[in-house]
Amino acid sequence: MKDSEAEALRARLDRAATGLDAPLAVVDLDAFDANAADLERRAAGKPIRVASKSVRCRALLERVLQRDGFSGVMAFTLPEALWLTGHGYEDVLVAYPTADGGALQRLAGDPRALAQVTLMVDDRAHLELIEAAGAPDPPAPVRVCLDLDTSWQPVGGRVRIGARRSPLRTPEQAADLAADIVARPGLELVGVMAYEAQIAGVGDRPPGKRLMGRALQEMQRRSGAELEERRAAAVAAVRGVAPELAFVNGGGTGSVERTVAEPAVTEVAAGSGLYGPTLFDAYASFRPQPAALFALPVVRRPGPGVATLLGGGYHASGAAGTDRLPKPFLPAGLKLDPREGAGEVQTPVLGAAADRLQIGDRVWLRHAKAGELCEHFDRVHLVQGAAVVDRASTYRGEGQTFL
C-alpha cells in the first residue's frame, strides 16, 4: 500500500471511529465484500462453504451466506454447530471430530439438528461415541463425513509435510471405514473432506525470502499433484461403498483455485480470506484486502521514537513465532519492539512515526489470523466509507466461547 493510500485509509478509519473509545475492532464492509467477491472469482462457480472459526460473528456469517457463491457453514465444534442450527443455519459441517458426549446427546434428540449437522470422523472410535450417545429411537441417522489425510510424504514416507490430522491416508483405508459406517443403521455417510494445510495455509511468497518462496512453490506443486491423484482415488473408493455422497470438500483460502480445478472436489472451504489477516499477505496468486482491524490507544510516550499502546497481546495460535504476532498497520512505519512484542497490557511501537503520535491517538493493527481477533472483543464496528453503519456482536459478545 502506498503511503498516500495508507494515510487516506487511516484518516477514514479515524473519522469512522470518532467518539469511540479504543481498544476497538472494526470490519470494513467494502473490503469484506471485495474479498468475498474475489473468493467467488477464484472458486470459478463451485460453492464455497464459509469457515465459521475464521469469522466468529453471526451478522457477518449471514452477510456472506446471502451471496450466491457461498453455501453452507464449516463449524469448528459440535456445540457451535448446534447453536448455529438453533438460530436457523442450515448445512453445517463440523470440521473436527468430537468427543463431547453431552453435545452428541443433544444432537441425537434434535430432529432439526440431525437434518442439518454433519459430524467429522476418521476412526471407528468416533462411530462408537456417536452411537453410544444416540437416542433409543432416533428420529434420523447421524450424518457423518470422512476426513482424509492430505500431508505430502515424499522419500518413501520418511518425510511428512502437512498438518497431523486424519489417520486415513489410502483409498483402501477410506473405503474400509466407509463400509463400517454404511453397515451402521444409525449413521449416514454424506461427505468426504480433505484439507491440504501445506498449500491452503502456507504462503508461498514469504517477505524477503525469495529462495524459501521458490522452495514452497515447488513443494506445493508436487504435493498438489500427488494429492489430486490420491484424493480422486479415495473419493472413487468411497463412492463404491456409498454412491450417494452429497459433497466432497477441500481446500481453504490459500488454495481455492488449485482445489476447485480437481474434478473430484464439489466444494471448497474458505473464511480467513474474508478478513484478510497478515498470514495471507504471503501468497503470490492473490492478496485479500485488510478488512478486520483493531485500534489501540496511545497511553505513553517513553522517549523518542517510541509510543506505548494499551493492551495488544492478541497472539495467533500455531507454532510460536513473530509471524503469529499482530502487526502495527496505520500509521505506516511502526513496528513492534522485538524485546517486548505485543503485551498483555501494553505494547510499545517503534519508528519515526511514533514521534508524531500523541497520547490519546489511535494506532490501527492487524491480527495474524482471522476469527481469533473476535475472542478479544464483544462486538465489531461495521464501517462503510468513513462511518460506522452498524455494530455486530461477536461469538464472545453473545456469550459463546466454544474454544
Protein backbone atom coordinates (compact mmCIF):
# COMPACT_ATOMS: atom_id res chain seq x y z
CA MET A 1 0.00 0.00 0.00
CA LYS A 2 1.36 3.41 -0.98
CA ASP A 3 1.96 5.97 1.76
CA SER A 4 -0.79 8.21 0.38
CA GLU A 5 -3.25 5.31 0.37
CA ALA A 6 -2.27 4.36 3.90
CA GLU A 7 -2.81 7.89 5.17
CA ALA A 8 -6.18 8.11 3.42
CA LEU A 9 -7.26 4.80 4.95
CA ARG A 10 -6.10 5.89 8.40
CA ALA A 11 -7.99 9.18 8.10
CA ARG A 12 -11.12 7.34 7.01
CA LEU A 13 -10.97 4.84 9.87
CA ASP A 14 -10.23 7.56 12.42
CA ARG A 15 -13.24 9.54 11.19
CA ALA A 16 -15.43 6.45 11.39
CA ALA A 17 -14.26 5.78 14.95
CA THR A 18 -14.79 9.34 16.17
CA GLY A 19 -16.29 9.22 19.64
CA LEU A 20 -15.45 5.55 20.17
CA ASP A 21 -13.01 4.53 22.88
CA ALA A 22 -10.17 2.18 22.00
CA PRO A 23 -9.37 -0.68 22.19
CA LEU A 24 -11.95 -1.43 19.50
CA ALA A 25 -12.35 -3.69 16.50
CA VAL A 26 -13.78 -2.84 13.09
CA VAL A 27 -14.66 -4.67 9.91
CA ASP A 28 -14.51 -2.59 6.75
CA LEU A 29 -17.54 -3.86 4.85
CA ASP A 30 -16.31 -2.64 1.47
CA ALA A 31 -13.10 -4.65 1.90
CA PHE A 32 -15.05 -7.63 3.31
CA ASP A 33 -17.38 -7.67 0.31
CA ALA A 34 -14.49 -7.25 -2.13
CA ASN A 35 -12.71 -10.20 -0.53
CA ALA A 36 -15.87 -12.31 -0.78
CA ALA A 37 -16.19 -11.44 -4.45
CA ASP A 38 -12.56 -12.38 -5.08
CA LEU A 39 -13.05 -15.75 -3.37
CA GLU A 40 -16.04 -16.35 -5.64
CA ARG A 41 -13.93 -15.46 -8.68
CA ARG A 42 -11.23 -17.88 -7.59
CA ALA A 43 -13.79 -20.64 -6.91
CA ALA A 44 -14.93 -20.48 -10.55
CA GLY A 45 -18.51 -21.47 -9.88
CA LYS A 46 -18.01 -24.14 -7.25
CA PRO A 47 -19.74 -23.34 -3.94
CA ILE A 48 -17.71 -22.01 -1.02
CA ARG A 49 -18.52 -23.31 2.45
CA VAL A 50 -17.72 -20.50 4.87
CA ALA A 51 -15.40 -21.46 7.75
CA SER A 52 -17.05 -20.01 10.84
CA LYS A 53 -13.93 -20.14 13.02
CA SER A 54 -12.44 -17.51 10.73
CA VAL A 55 -15.43 -15.16 11.16
CA ARG A 56 -16.96 -15.76 14.65
CA CYS A 57 -19.68 -13.18 14.13
CA ARG A 58 -23.18 -14.24 13.12
CA ALA A 59 -24.03 -10.98 11.37
CA LEU A 60 -21.03 -11.36 9.07
CA LEU A 61 -21.65 -15.07 8.51
CA GLU A 62 -25.17 -14.18 7.43
CA ARG A 63 -23.89 -11.38 5.20
CA VAL A 64 -21.60 -13.69 3.24
CA LEU A 65 -24.14 -16.53 3.08
CA GLN A 66 -26.52 -14.19 1.26
CA ARG A 67 -24.09 -14.24 -1.66
CA ASP A 68 -24.70 -16.69 -4.49
CA GLY A 69 -21.19 -18.15 -4.33
CA PHE A 70 -21.35 -19.23 -0.68
CA SER A 71 -23.35 -22.17 0.65
CA GLY A 72 -23.19 -23.93 4.00
CA VAL A 73 -21.04 -23.48 7.09
CA MET A 74 -17.91 -25.26 8.27
CA ALA A 75 -18.13 -25.10 12.07
CA PHE A 76 -15.29 -25.90 14.45
CA THR A 77 -17.12 -27.63 17.32
CA LEU A 78 -20.37 -29.53 17.69
CA PRO A 79 -21.73 -27.14 20.38
CA GLU A 80 -21.15 -24.28 17.93
CA ALA A 81 -22.96 -26.20 15.19
CA LEU A 82 -25.94 -26.86 17.48
CA TRP A 83 -26.04 -23.17 18.45
CA LEU A 84 -25.96 -22.11 14.79
CA THR A 85 -28.71 -24.52 13.74
CA GLY A 86 -30.75 -23.25 16.67
CA HIS A 87 -30.53 -19.85 15.01
CA GLY A 88 -31.72 -21.21 11.68
CA TYR A 89 -28.44 -22.05 9.93
CA GLU A 90 -28.54 -24.95 7.50
CA ASP A 91 -25.97 -27.44 6.20
CA VAL A 92 -23.38 -27.15 8.98
CA LEU A 93 -20.32 -29.38 8.67
CA VAL A 94 -18.29 -29.80 11.87
CA ALA A 95 -14.72 -29.74 10.60
CA TYR A 96 -13.12 -31.61 13.51
CA PRO A 97 -14.10 -34.83 15.29
CA THR A 98 -15.92 -34.52 18.62
CA ALA A 99 -15.74 -36.45 21.86
CA ASP A 100 -18.35 -34.24 23.56
CA GLY A 101 -20.88 -36.74 24.89
CA GLY A 102 -23.34 -34.12 26.05
CA ALA A 103 -23.38 -32.37 22.68
CA LEU A 104 -23.78 -35.72 20.90
CA GLN A 105 -26.80 -36.49 23.08
CA ARG A 106 -28.32 -33.10 22.28
CA LEU A 107 -27.75 -33.73 18.59
CA ALA A 108 -29.38 -37.18 18.76
CA GLY A 109 -32.51 -35.73 20.30
CA ASP A 110 -32.89 -32.74 17.99
CA PRO A 111 -34.57 -33.59 14.65
CA ARG A 112 -33.70 -30.22 13.08
CA ALA A 113 -30.02 -30.52 14.02
CA LEU A 114 -29.88 -34.11 12.78
CA ALA A 115 -31.06 -32.89 9.38
CA GLN A 116 -28.58 -30.01 9.19
CA VAL A 117 -25.39 -31.04 11.06
CA THR A 118 -22.69 -33.35 9.71
CA LEU A 119 -20.00 -34.75 12.02
CA MET A 120 -16.39 -35.40 11.05
CA VAL A 121 -14.98 -38.90 11.60
CA ASP A 122 -11.75 -40.70 10.80
CA ASP A 123 -11.74 -43.55 13.35
CA ARG A 124 -14.10 -46.32 14.45
CA ALA A 125 -13.88 -44.87 17.95
CA HIS A 126 -15.72 -41.80 16.64
CA LEU A 127 -18.51 -44.01 15.32
CA GLU A 128 -18.83 -45.76 18.66
CA LEU A 129 -19.00 -42.46 20.58
CA ILE A 130 -21.76 -41.23 18.28
CA GLU A 131 -23.74 -44.45 18.66
CA ALA A 132 -23.27 -44.53 22.45
CA ALA A 133 -24.82 -41.07 22.74
CA GLY A 134 -27.72 -41.82 20.42
CA ALA A 135 -31.37 -41.69 21.41
CA PRO A 136 -33.12 -45.09 21.90
CA ASP A 137 -35.39 -44.32 18.97
CA PRO A 138 -33.51 -41.74 16.88
CA PRO A 139 -35.66 -39.64 14.54
CA ALA A 140 -32.99 -39.85 11.82
CA PRO A 141 -29.47 -41.19 11.33
CA VAL A 142 -26.50 -39.02 12.25
CA ARG A 143 -24.83 -37.54 9.18
CA VAL A 144 -21.06 -38.12 9.06
CA CYS A 145 -18.16 -37.11 6.81
CA LEU A 146 -14.83 -38.88 6.33
CA ASP A 147 -11.68 -36.81 6.87
CA LEU A 148 -8.70 -37.79 4.70
CA ASP A 149 -5.04 -37.16 5.47
CA THR A 150 -3.59 -34.78 2.87
CA SER A 151 0.01 -34.47 4.04
CA TRP A 152 2.76 -34.88 1.47
CA GLN A 153 5.08 -37.74 2.36
CA PRO A 154 7.92 -37.97 -0.18
CA VAL A 155 11.03 -40.14 0.16
CA GLY A 156 9.01 -43.25 0.88
CA GLY A 157 7.09 -41.60 3.69
CA ARG A 158 10.22 -40.73 5.68
CA VAL A 159 9.38 -37.03 5.34
CA ARG A 160 5.99 -35.58 6.28
CA ILE A 161 4.84 -32.10 5.24
CA GLY A 162 1.39 -31.01 6.35
CA ALA A 163 -0.94 -30.98 9.34
CA ARG A 164 -1.27 -34.04 11.55
CA ARG A 165 -4.96 -34.68 11.11
CA SER A 166 -6.62 -37.88 9.93
CA PRO A 167 -5.10 -41.40 10.05
CA LEU A 168 -7.00 -42.21 6.83
CA ARG A 169 -4.49 -41.87 4.02
CA THR A 170 -5.09 -44.50 1.35
CA PRO A 171 -8.22 -45.18 -0.72
CA GLU A 172 -8.39 -48.61 0.88
CA GLN A 173 -8.41 -47.16 4.41
CA ALA A 174 -11.12 -44.68 3.46
CA ALA A 175 -13.29 -47.33 1.82
CA ASP A 176 -12.87 -49.65 4.81
CA LEU A 177 -14.18 -47.06 7.28
CA ALA A 178 -16.88 -46.06 4.82
CA ALA A 179 -18.10 -49.66 4.72
CA ASP A 180 -18.22 -49.73 8.52
CA ILE A 181 -20.34 -46.54 8.53
CA VAL A 182 -22.74 -47.86 5.91
CA ALA A 183 -23.25 -51.01 7.97
CA ARG A 184 -24.45 -48.99 10.97
CA PRO A 185 -28.14 -48.02 10.63
CA GLY A 186 -27.81 -45.04 12.96
CA LEU A 187 -25.23 -43.35 10.71
CA GLU A 188 -25.33 -41.91 7.21
CA LEU A 189 -22.17 -41.21 5.23
CA VAL A 190 -22.77 -37.99 3.28
CA GLY A 191 -19.36 -36.48 2.56
CA VAL A 192 -15.60 -36.60 2.29
CA MET A 193 -13.24 -33.83 3.36
CA ALA A 194 -9.55 -33.37 2.64
CA TYR A 195 -7.90 -30.12 3.79
CA GLU A 196 -4.45 -29.54 2.29
CA ALA A 197 -2.96 -27.37 5.06
CA GLN A 198 0.52 -27.27 3.49
CA ILE A 199 -0.99 -25.47 0.49
CA ALA A 200 -4.07 -23.67 1.77
CA GLY A 201 -2.44 -22.33 4.93
CA VAL A 202 1.18 -21.68 3.95
CA GLY A 203 2.01 -18.58 1.94
CA ASP A 204 4.32 -19.19 -1.00
CA ARG A 205 5.81 -15.69 -1.07
CA PRO A 206 7.31 -15.02 2.38
CA PRO A 207 8.59 -11.41 2.53
CA GLY A 208 12.33 -11.12 1.98
CA LYS A 209 12.78 -14.88 1.49
CA ARG A 210 12.80 -15.44 -2.26
CA LEU A 211 14.58 -18.81 -2.17
CA MET A 212 12.24 -20.11 0.50
CA GLY A 213 9.33 -18.93 -1.61
CA ARG A 214 10.58 -20.90 -4.60
CA ALA A 215 11.03 -23.98 -2.41
CA LEU A 216 7.50 -23.60 -1.05
CA GLN A 217 6.06 -23.22 -4.54
CA GLU A 218 7.79 -26.40 -5.67
CA MET A 219 6.65 -28.27 -2.56
CA GLN A 220 3.07 -27.14 -3.14
CA ARG A 221 3.20 -28.04 -6.83
CA ARG A 222 4.42 -31.56 -6.12
CA SER A 223 2.20 -32.02 -3.08
CA GLY A 224 -0.84 -30.81 -5.04
CA ALA A 225 -0.17 -33.21 -7.89
CA GLU A 226 0.17 -36.17 -5.52
CA LEU A 227 -2.94 -35.19 -3.61
CA GLU A 228 -5.09 -34.71 -6.71
CA GLU A 229 -4.43 -38.29 -7.78
CA ARG A 230 -4.85 -39.76 -4.29
CA ARG A 231 -7.96 -37.71 -3.47
CA ALA A 232 -9.67 -38.78 -6.68
CA ALA A 233 -8.86 -42.42 -5.97
CA ALA A 234 -10.09 -42.16 -2.37
CA VAL A 235 -13.34 -40.48 -3.40
CA ALA A 236 -13.93 -43.13 -6.06
CA ALA A 237 -13.28 -45.87 -3.49
CA VAL A 238 -15.71 -44.31 -1.01
CA ARG A 239 -18.36 -43.82 -3.70
CA GLY A 240 -18.03 -47.51 -4.44
CA VAL A 241 -19.38 -48.11 -0.94
CA ALA A 242 -21.61 -45.03 -0.56
CA PRO A 243 -22.58 -43.84 -4.05
CA GLU A 244 -24.91 -41.08 -2.80
CA LEU A 245 -22.26 -38.81 -1.29
CA ALA A 246 -23.62 -35.26 -1.06
CA PHE A 247 -20.28 -33.43 -1.17
CA VAL A 248 -16.50 -33.63 -1.39
CA ASN A 249 -14.91 -30.70 0.43
CA GLY A 250 -11.36 -29.48 0.08
CA GLY A 251 -9.08 -26.53 0.24
CA GLY A 252 -9.01 -23.26 2.10
CA THR A 253 -8.41 -19.59 1.39
CA GLY A 254 -4.87 -20.19 0.19
CA SER A 255 -5.69 -22.96 -2.30
CA VAL A 256 -9.12 -22.13 -3.71
CA GLU A 257 -8.28 -22.02 -7.41
CA ARG A 258 -6.00 -25.05 -7.19
CA THR A 259 -8.55 -27.15 -5.31
CA VAL A 260 -11.61 -26.32 -7.44
CA ALA A 261 -9.69 -27.48 -10.52
CA GLU A 262 -9.92 -31.07 -9.26
CA PRO A 263 -12.96 -32.86 -10.73
CA ALA A 264 -13.39 -34.94 -7.57
CA VAL A 265 -13.97 -31.83 -5.41
CA THR A 266 -17.52 -30.46 -5.32
CA GLU A 267 -16.98 -27.53 -2.92
CA VAL A 268 -14.22 -25.59 -1.19
CA ALA A 269 -13.98 -24.06 2.26
CA ALA A 270 -12.78 -20.52 2.99
CA GLY A 271 -13.10 -17.95 5.72
CA SER A 272 -9.82 -16.22 6.54
CA GLY A 273 -9.77 -14.51 3.16
CA LEU A 274 -12.86 -12.51 4.16
CA TYR A 275 -10.99 -10.67 6.93
CA GLY A 276 -7.57 -10.59 5.23
CA PRO A 277 -5.21 -11.22 8.20
CA THR A 278 -1.44 -10.85 7.90
CA LEU A 279 -0.70 -14.55 7.37
CA PHE A 280 -2.42 -14.23 3.98
CA ASP A 281 -0.15 -11.43 2.79
CA ALA A 282 2.40 -14.02 1.71
CA TYR A 283 0.66 -15.54 -1.33
CA ALA A 284 1.73 -14.89 -4.90
CA SER A 285 -1.62 -15.61 -6.57
CA PHE A 286 -3.97 -13.40 -4.52
CA ARG A 287 -3.95 -10.66 -1.90
CA PRO A 288 -7.03 -10.06 0.26
CA GLN A 289 -7.76 -6.55 1.43
CA PRO A 290 -7.31 -5.90 5.17
CA ALA A 291 -10.93 -5.92 6.32
CA ALA A 292 -10.69 -6.72 10.05
CA LEU A 293 -8.63 -4.26 12.07
CA PHE A 294 -8.30 -3.23 15.67
CA ALA A 295 -7.28 0.07 17.23
CA LEU A 296 -5.29 0.58 20.41
CA PRO A 297 -4.86 3.93 22.16
CA VAL A 298 -1.51 5.60 22.78
CA VAL A 299 -1.15 5.90 26.56
CA ARG A 300 2.57 6.65 27.00
CA ARG A 301 5.47 8.34 25.26
CA PRO A 302 8.52 6.80 26.97
CA GLY A 303 11.05 8.53 24.73
CA PRO A 304 11.99 9.48 21.17
CA GLY A 305 10.78 7.03 18.54
CA VAL A 306 8.57 5.11 20.98
CA ALA A 307 4.84 5.17 21.74
CA THR A 308 3.19 2.75 24.12
CA LEU A 309 -0.25 1.32 23.39
CA LEU A 310 -2.75 -0.13 25.84
CA GLY A 311 -3.16 -3.91 25.50
CA GLY A 312 -2.49 -5.69 22.23
CA GLY A 313 -1.35 -9.16 23.22
CA TYR A 314 -3.58 -10.83 20.66
CA HIS A 315 -1.26 -13.63 19.60
CA ALA A 316 -2.41 -16.10 16.95
CA SER A 317 -2.50 -19.85 17.51
CA GLY A 318 0.09 -22.16 15.99
CA ALA A 319 3.82 -22.59 16.46
CA ALA A 320 5.16 -19.55 18.33
CA GLY A 321 6.95 -17.04 16.13
CA THR A 322 6.94 -13.42 15.04
CA ASP A 323 4.51 -14.26 12.24
CA ARG A 324 1.90 -15.01 14.94
CA LEU A 325 2.05 -11.51 16.40
CA PRO A 326 -0.27 -8.66 15.44
CA LYS A 327 1.31 -6.04 13.21
CA PRO A 328 1.06 -2.27 13.50
CA PHE A 329 -0.60 -1.13 10.29
CA LEU A 330 -1.54 2.56 10.49
CA PRO A 331 0.14 4.96 10.65
CA ALA A 332 2.69 3.34 8.37
CA GLY A 333 6.24 2.89 9.55
CA LEU A 334 5.65 1.45 13.02
CA LYS A 335 6.94 -1.88 14.26
CA LEU A 336 6.83 -3.88 17.46
CA ASP A 337 9.69 -3.76 19.95
CA PRO A 338 11.34 -7.19 19.49
CA ARG A 339 12.14 -7.34 23.21
CA GLU A 340 8.53 -6.84 24.28
CA GLY A 341 6.37 -7.88 21.34
CA ALA A 342 2.64 -7.48 21.83
CA GLY A 343 1.95 -7.36 25.54
CA GLU A 344 -0.92 -8.33 27.79
CA VAL A 345 -1.46 -4.76 29.00
CA GLN A 346 0.95 -2.65 26.95
CA THR A 347 2.58 -2.78 23.55
CA PRO A 348 5.41 -0.40 22.63
CA VAL A 349 5.69 0.53 18.96
CA LEU A 350 8.85 1.89 17.43
CA GLY A 351 9.71 4.09 14.45
CA ALA A 352 9.83 7.66 13.29
CA ALA A 353 6.03 7.65 13.01
CA ALA A 354 5.85 7.20 16.77
CA ASP A 355 7.15 10.73 17.25
CA ARG A 356 4.05 12.09 15.52
CA LEU A 357 1.71 10.26 17.89
CA GLN A 358 0.18 11.94 20.90
CA ILE A 359 -1.36 10.41 24.00
CA GLY A 360 -4.95 9.56 23.07
CA ASP A 361 -4.22 8.89 19.39
CA ARG A 362 -5.09 5.52 17.88
CA VAL A 363 -2.81 3.01 16.19
CA TRP A 364 -4.52 0.51 13.89
CA LEU A 365 -3.20 -3.07 13.88
CA ARG A 366 -3.94 -6.30 12.03
CA HIS A 367 -4.19 -9.76 13.56
CA ALA A 368 -2.12 -12.62 12.17
CA LYS A 369 -5.20 -14.84 11.85
CA ALA A 370 -8.84 -14.07 11.21
CA GLY A 371 -11.61 -15.03 13.62
CA GLU A 372 -9.32 -15.27 16.64
CA LEU A 373 -9.45 -11.48 16.89
CA CYS A 374 -13.13 -11.80 17.86
CA GLU A 375 -12.19 -13.64 21.04
CA HIS A 376 -10.85 -10.31 22.39
CA PHE A 377 -13.87 -8.13 21.58
CA ASP A 378 -17.57 -8.49 22.31
CA ARG A 379 -18.50 -6.53 19.20
CA VAL A 380 -17.11 -5.31 15.91
CA HIS A 381 -17.97 -1.93 14.47
CA LEU A 382 -19.05 -2.26 10.84
CA VAL A 383 -17.57 0.53 8.73
CA GLN A 384 -18.56 1.75 5.27
CA GLY A 385 -16.74 4.74 3.90
CA ALA A 386 -15.94 6.99 6.85
CA ALA A 387 -18.86 5.96 9.05
CA VAL A 388 -19.82 3.18 11.41
CA VAL A 389 -23.06 1.87 9.92
CA ASP A 390 -23.74 -0.88 12.46
CA ARG A 391 -22.34 -2.86 15.37
CA ALA A 392 -22.33 -6.64 15.39
CA SER A 393 -21.85 -8.97 18.34
CA THR A 394 -19.04 -11.49 18.12
CA TYR A 395 -19.44 -15.02 19.44
CA ARG A 396 -17.89 -13.73 22.67
CA GLY A 397 -20.39 -10.88 22.76
CA GLU A 398 -23.21 -13.41 22.53
CA GLY A 399 -21.75 -15.31 25.50
CA GLN A 400 -20.35 -18.13 23.36
CA THR A 401 -16.75 -19.32 23.88
CA PHE A 402 -16.52 -22.63 22.06
CA LEU A 403 -12.72 -22.92 22.13
